[in-house]
Amino acid sequence: MSPRSLAGGCHCGRIRYGVEMDLSAPTLRCNCSICAKSRAWISVVPAIAFQLLAGENELGTYTFGARHVAHHFCPNCGVKTHGTSMMQGADAWVAVCVATLDLAPLELASLQIEYQDGRANLETPPAITVHL
């Protein structure tokens, strides 16, 4: 399947984005400290495929640890919409929070999920994934 134009945003609508995404590509669930706590479900796209349409001046940002990723959220409703890599140029990426896409429940349920062990070894999925 080829990438298609999708839209998404936070719960209150202040943060809106557009993204070119291939829905046949696997989405990710991770057990690292922030992903597990926020129950993150992401799809990573090249930064050039993502465009913030509304709320740029309102966007909240959280970084931690080595600060390789800026986690963005709406300060009004609290919904995390995406994360951006701190890389520049062709290597830059955006991790779109899949649940914030404007997709019907059946379409969301059909997405393929891969699990990553962000706490120990990214090469293999974690032994327990039911909580992710």
Protein backbone atom coordinates (compact mmCIF):
# COMPACT_ATOMS: atom_id res chain seq x y z
CA MET A 1 0.00 0.00 0.00
CA SER A 2 1.22 3.53 -0.60
CA PRO A 3 1.17 6.45 1.80
CA ARG A 4 -2.06 8.36 2.07
CA SER A 5 -2.90 11.80 3.41
CA LEU A 6 -4.35 11.68 6.90
CA ALA A 7 -5.28 14.23 9.52
CA GLY A 8 -5.27 14.10 13.27
CA GLY A 9 -5.14 16.13 16.44
CA CYS A 10 -5.75 16.40 20.13
CA HIS A 11 -9.09 15.95 21.91
CA CYS A 12 -10.04 19.63 22.16
CA GLY A 13 -8.95 20.42 18.59
CA ARG A 14 -6.32 23.07 19.37
CA ILE A 15 -3.53 20.89 17.95
CA ARG A 16 -4.11 19.65 14.37
CA TYR A 17 -1.72 17.98 11.97
CA GLY A 18 -1.54 16.39 8.54
CA VAL A 19 0.62 13.37 7.74
CA GLU A 20 1.46 11.14 4.79
CA MET A 21 1.38 7.62 6.22
CA ASP A 22 1.32 4.04 4.94
CA LEU A 23 -1.32 2.30 7.08
CA SER A 24 -0.10 -1.13 5.94
CA ALA A 25 3.25 -0.53 7.69
CA PRO A 26 3.51 -1.81 11.26
CA THR A 27 2.74 0.56 14.13
CA LEU A 28 4.74 0.33 17.36
CA ARG A 29 4.01 -0.26 21.03
CA CYS A 30 7.01 0.04 23.35
CA ASN A 31 7.70 -0.71 27.00
CA CYS A 32 10.26 2.03 27.66
CA SER A 33 9.51 4.24 30.67
CA ILE A 34 7.56 6.98 28.86
CA CYS A 35 5.79 4.77 26.33
CA ALA A 36 4.55 2.38 29.03
CA LYS A 37 3.28 5.20 31.24
CA SER A 38 1.54 7.02 28.39
CA ARG A 39 0.44 3.80 26.63
CA ALA A 40 1.99 5.18 23.47
CA TRP A 41 0.99 3.66 20.14
CA ILE A 42 3.07 5.24 17.40
CA SER A 43 3.89 5.24 13.73
CA VAL A 44 7.24 6.71 12.75
CA VAL A 45 7.32 8.80 9.57
CA PRO A 46 9.98 10.99 7.96
CA ALA A 47 9.72 14.55 9.29
CA ILE A 48 8.98 15.78 5.78
CA ALA A 49 5.75 13.70 5.81
CA PHE A 50 4.35 15.56 8.86
CA GLN A 51 2.89 19.06 9.00
CA LEU A 52 1.58 20.83 12.08
CA LEU A 53 -1.56 22.65 10.89
CA ALA A 54 -2.77 24.34 14.08
CA GLY A 55 -1.54 24.98 17.59
CA GLU A 56 2.18 25.45 17.00
CA ASN A 57 2.34 28.32 19.50
CA GLU A 58 0.33 26.37 22.09
CA LEU A 59 2.15 23.04 21.82
CA GLY A 60 3.56 21.72 25.08
CA THR A 61 6.88 19.85 24.94
CA TYR A 62 8.48 17.37 27.30
CA THR A 63 12.00 15.95 27.03
CA PHE A 64 13.97 13.79 29.42
CA GLY A 65 17.14 11.72 29.70
CA ALA A 66 19.40 12.19 26.68
CA ARG A 67 16.78 14.47 25.09
CA HIS A 68 16.77 12.64 21.75
CA VAL A 69 12.99 13.06 21.40
CA ALA A 70 10.71 16.03 22.06
CA HIS A 71 7.31 14.70 23.17
CA HIS A 72 4.56 17.13 22.14
CA PHE A 73 1.13 17.49 23.75
CA CYS A 74 -1.80 19.87 24.03
CA PRO A 75 -1.57 21.80 27.32
CA ASN A 76 -5.34 22.32 27.27
CA CYS A 77 -6.63 18.72 27.01
CA GLY A 78 -3.37 16.90 27.78
CA VAL A 79 -3.34 14.63 24.70
CA LYS A 80 0.10 13.68 23.37
CA THR A 81 -0.10 14.02 19.58
CA HIS A 82 3.43 13.32 18.39
CA GLY A 83 7.12 13.27 19.17
CA THR A 84 9.94 14.69 17.09
CA SER A 85 13.51 13.50 16.81
CA MET A 86 16.25 15.95 17.57
CA MET A 87 18.01 14.90 14.34
CA GLN A 88 18.15 17.31 11.43
CA GLY A 89 17.86 16.82 7.68
CA ALA A 90 17.03 13.52 5.98
CA ASP A 91 17.34 11.53 9.24
CA ALA A 92 14.69 13.56 11.08
CA TRP A 93 11.48 11.73 11.98
CA VAL A 94 8.16 12.21 13.72
CA ALA A 95 6.45 9.59 15.89
CA VAL A 96 2.73 10.12 15.35
CA CYS A 97 0.47 8.94 18.17
CA VAL A 98 -1.79 6.62 16.17
CA ALA A 99 -4.81 7.07 18.45
CA THR A 100 -4.86 10.80 17.53
CA LEU A 101 -5.41 10.07 13.82
CA ASP A 102 -8.90 10.83 12.48
CA LEU A 103 -9.63 7.17 11.70
CA ALA A 104 -12.75 5.08 12.31
CA PRO A 105 -12.44 2.50 15.12
CA LEU A 106 -12.53 -0.40 12.65
CA GLU A 107 -9.65 1.09 10.67
CA LEU A 108 -7.62 1.63 13.86
CA ALA A 109 -8.31 -1.94 14.94
CA SER A 110 -6.99 -3.28 11.63
CA LEU A 111 -3.52 -1.71 12.01
CA GLN A 112 -0.60 -4.07 12.48
CA ILE A 113 1.26 -3.66 15.79
CA GLU A 114 4.88 -4.58 16.52
CA TYR A 115 6.12 -4.56 20.11
CA GLN A 116 9.54 -3.17 21.06
CA ASP A 117 11.49 -3.82 24.22
CA GLY A 118 12.64 -0.26 24.82
CA ARG A 119 13.71 -1.14 28.37
CA ALA A 120 16.19 -3.86 27.46
CA ASN A 121 16.69 -4.91 23.84
CA LEU A 122 15.10 -3.26 20.82
CA GLU A 123 15.92 -6.33 18.71
CA THR A 124 13.27 -8.50 20.36
CA PRO A 125 9.75 -7.84 21.63
CA PRO A 126 9.21 -7.78 25.39
CA ALA A 127 7.99 -10.99 27.03
CA ILE A 128 4.84 -9.29 28.36
CA THR A 129 2.84 -7.01 26.08
CA VAL A 130 -0.72 -7.20 27.39
CA HIS A 131 -0.34 -3.93 29.36
CA LEU A 132 1.00 -2.02 26.39
